Every structure is written in structure tokens, then in C-alpha cells.
Protein backbone atom coordinates (compact mmCIF):
# COMPACT_ATOMS: atom_id res chain seq x y z
CA MET A 1 -60.87 -120.82 -78.59
CA THR A 2 -61.59 -119.97 -82.17
CA THR A 3 -58.75 -119.66 -84.58
CA LEU A 4 -58.32 -117.29 -87.45
CA ARG A 5 -57.43 -118.41 -90.93
CA ARG A 6 -54.55 -116.31 -92.11
CA TYR A 7 -52.21 -117.04 -94.98
CA GLY A 8 -53.70 -120.52 -95.35
CA GLN A 9 -52.86 -121.51 -91.75
CA SER A 10 -54.78 -121.61 -88.51
CA VAL A 11 -53.54 -118.89 -86.20
CA CYS A 12 -54.27 -118.57 -82.50
CA THR A 13 -56.40 -115.52 -81.64
CA TYR A 14 -54.37 -114.92 -78.49
CA ALA A 15 -51.24 -114.42 -80.57
CA PHE A 16 -52.46 -110.94 -81.49
CA VAL A 17 -53.93 -109.66 -78.21
CA HIS A 18 -52.15 -109.17 -74.89
CA TYR A 19 -54.64 -109.59 -72.08
CA LYS A 20 -54.23 -108.12 -68.62
CA LEU A 21 -53.40 -110.41 -65.71
CA HIS A 22 -54.95 -110.40 -62.26
CA TYR A 23 -52.67 -109.22 -59.46
CA ALA A 24 -53.59 -109.65 -55.80
CA CYS A 25 -52.46 -108.04 -52.55
CA ILE A 26 -52.93 -110.63 -49.82
CA PRO A 27 -52.61 -108.31 -46.76
CA CYS A 28 -55.17 -105.84 -48.19
CA ARG A 29 -57.32 -108.62 -49.73
CA ILE A 30 -57.83 -106.80 -53.04
CA SER A 31 -57.05 -107.59 -56.67
CA PHE A 32 -56.38 -105.58 -59.81
CA LYS A 33 -55.96 -106.25 -63.51
CA ARG A 34 -52.71 -104.96 -64.94
CA HIS A 35 -50.52 -105.57 -67.95
CA PRO A 36 -47.45 -107.69 -67.12
CA SER A 37 -44.38 -105.70 -66.16
CA ASP A 38 -40.77 -106.68 -65.55
CA ALA A 39 -40.52 -104.19 -62.68
CA GLY A 40 -43.55 -105.68 -60.89
CA HIS A 41 -46.57 -103.89 -59.50
CA THR A 42 -47.20 -102.39 -56.09
CA CYS A 43 -50.42 -102.16 -54.12
CA PRO A 44 -51.90 -98.65 -54.08
CA ARG A 45 -53.14 -99.14 -50.50
CA CYS A 46 -50.09 -100.57 -48.70
CA ALA A 47 -47.30 -100.13 -51.30
CA GLY A 48 -46.47 -103.82 -50.97
CA PRO A 49 -45.79 -106.07 -53.94
CA LEU A 50 -48.75 -107.49 -55.86
CA LEU A 51 -48.67 -111.22 -56.60
CA CYS A 52 -49.53 -112.35 -60.11
CA ALA A 53 -52.67 -114.50 -59.87
CA GLY A 54 -53.11 -115.34 -63.57
CA HIS A 55 -55.80 -114.81 -66.16
CA ASP A 56 -58.67 -116.67 -64.45
CA PHE A 57 -58.44 -115.49 -60.84
CA ALA A 58 -61.81 -114.85 -59.21
CA ALA A 59 -61.10 -112.86 -56.07
CA PRO A 60 -63.15 -113.74 -52.99
CA ARG A 61 -64.96 -111.02 -51.11
CA ARG A 62 -62.73 -108.84 -48.99
CA THR A 63 -64.52 -109.93 -45.82
CA ASN A 64 -63.95 -113.65 -46.51
CA ARG A 65 -60.67 -114.16 -44.62
CA LYS A 66 -60.77 -117.94 -44.90
CA ALA A 67 -60.92 -117.87 -48.70
CA TRP A 68 -58.10 -115.31 -48.84
CA SER A 69 -55.98 -117.56 -46.63
CA VAL A 70 -56.36 -120.34 -49.24
CA VAL A 71 -55.49 -117.87 -52.02
CA ALA A 72 -52.37 -116.87 -50.07
CA VAL A 73 -51.20 -120.49 -49.86
CA VAL A 74 -51.85 -121.14 -53.57
CA LEU A 75 -50.06 -117.97 -54.69
CA GLY A 76 -47.31 -118.53 -52.13
CA ALA A 77 -46.66 -121.96 -53.65
CA GLY A 78 -45.94 -120.25 -56.96
CA LEU A 79 -49.16 -121.33 -58.68
CA ARG A 80 -51.49 -119.13 -60.69
CA TYR A 81 -55.14 -119.37 -61.57
CA GLU A 82 -54.84 -120.19 -65.27
CA GLY A 83 -57.20 -121.84 -67.70
CA PHE A 84 -55.32 -121.13 -70.89
CA GLU A 85 -52.99 -123.52 -72.63
CA PRO A 86 -49.52 -122.07 -73.34
CA CYS A 87 -50.65 -120.88 -76.78
CA GLY A 88 -54.05 -119.74 -75.49
CA CYS A 89 -56.20 -121.97 -77.71
CA GLY A 90 -57.29 -124.49 -75.09
CA ARG A 91 -59.61 -123.63 -72.26
CA ASN A 92 -59.20 -126.28 -69.57
CA PRO A 93 -59.30 -124.57 -66.17
CA LYS A 94 -56.82 -126.11 -63.81
CA PHE A 95 -57.99 -127.09 -60.35
CA ARG A 96 -57.10 -124.86 -57.41
CA PRO A 97 -58.47 -125.40 -53.88
CA ARG A 98 -61.20 -122.97 -52.87
CA THR A 99 -61.81 -124.01 -49.24
CA ARG A 100 -59.65 -124.66 -46.22
CA ALA A 101 -60.90 -128.26 -46.10
CA GLN A 102 -59.55 -128.90 -49.60
CA LEU A 103 -56.27 -127.30 -48.56
CA ARG A 104 -56.02 -129.42 -45.39
CA ALA A 105 -56.61 -132.61 -47.38
CA ARG A 106 -53.78 -131.75 -49.76
CA ARG A 107 -51.42 -130.87 -46.90
CA ARG A 108 -52.12 -134.24 -45.23
CA VAL A 109 -51.41 -136.15 -48.41
CA ALA A 110 -48.26 -134.09 -49.01
CA THR A 111 -46.87 -134.99 -45.58
CA ARG A 112 -47.83 -138.68 -45.91
CA THR A 113 -46.44 -139.23 -49.40
CA GLY A 114 -43.59 -136.72 -49.43
CA THR A 115 -45.00 -135.08 -52.56
CA PRO A 116 -44.44 -131.31 -52.82
CA LEU A 117 -47.51 -129.31 -51.80
CA ALA A 118 -47.41 -127.20 -54.97
CA GLU A 119 -47.86 -130.34 -57.05
CA LEU A 120 -50.87 -131.49 -55.04
CA LEU A 121 -52.56 -128.08 -55.08
CA GLY A 122 -53.08 -128.48 -58.81
CA GLN A 123 -54.75 -131.90 -58.58
CA ALA A 124 -58.52 -132.24 -58.23
CA ASP A 125 -58.34 -135.27 -55.89
CA PRO A 126 -54.95 -136.03 -54.33
CA LEU A 127 -55.95 -139.60 -53.46
CA GLU A 128 -56.57 -140.54 -57.12
CA ASN A 129 -52.94 -140.23 -58.25
CA ARG A 130 -51.30 -142.56 -55.75
């Protein structure tokens, strides 16, 4: 991301702007963009809690139940769809599985190696890092 020159130093552009995060309701299969809140957000359809999905979440279609089941596992593991570095300057999207086949492969490797599933969900190919 571009940086601003201020006071003779490079300053991150994301230091000045607070972007909204994506929040998803898995049972309703919908997502919203909201500002972060300590109290949390609730779904307007079912009044259930919305899960924070990160800055770069691309919600699947509501009718695509298989894709939403993968999203539920990823968000349930405590991962978010982020592409920003902690300061916001870098733009390296992190891998998240998009299909059930990718999810099955990571579950198999997790049971074989004893590695936590959340760690393997963030790796592009779980067989590379053995």
C-alpha cells in the first residue's frame, strides 16, 4: 500500500482510516460490513451473534450451502479472511480453503500429523510443510 510522507517519515495510510470489517451469520448465510465493536454485533434476521470474518471476506452466494459449510469451519477455527499485514501496508492475502475437498485434505493431514486444524487451514498445501 502506498505510504504518505509526513514530518519527514513514511507513515502508513491505514493508520488514519478505520475500515469496516465483514461480519457473517452462518445459520442465515449472510454477511454485513460493520465497524468493530466491543459489544459484538447481532444478525438482524435471527438475532444471533455475527462472526468477524475480516477485511477480505468474499461471501459465497446464499444458495451455496457447501461453500458456507467451509466458511463455518474456517471461522469456527478462529481464523479470519485477512490480507493486510498488522500495520496495513502489506497486501499478501493469506490462504483459506474455498472448497470441501481442500477442507477434507487439511483434516486428513491434521489427524495424521497431530497438527492443529487451525494451523493447517492457513497453509496453501499442507503436504509441503512436513
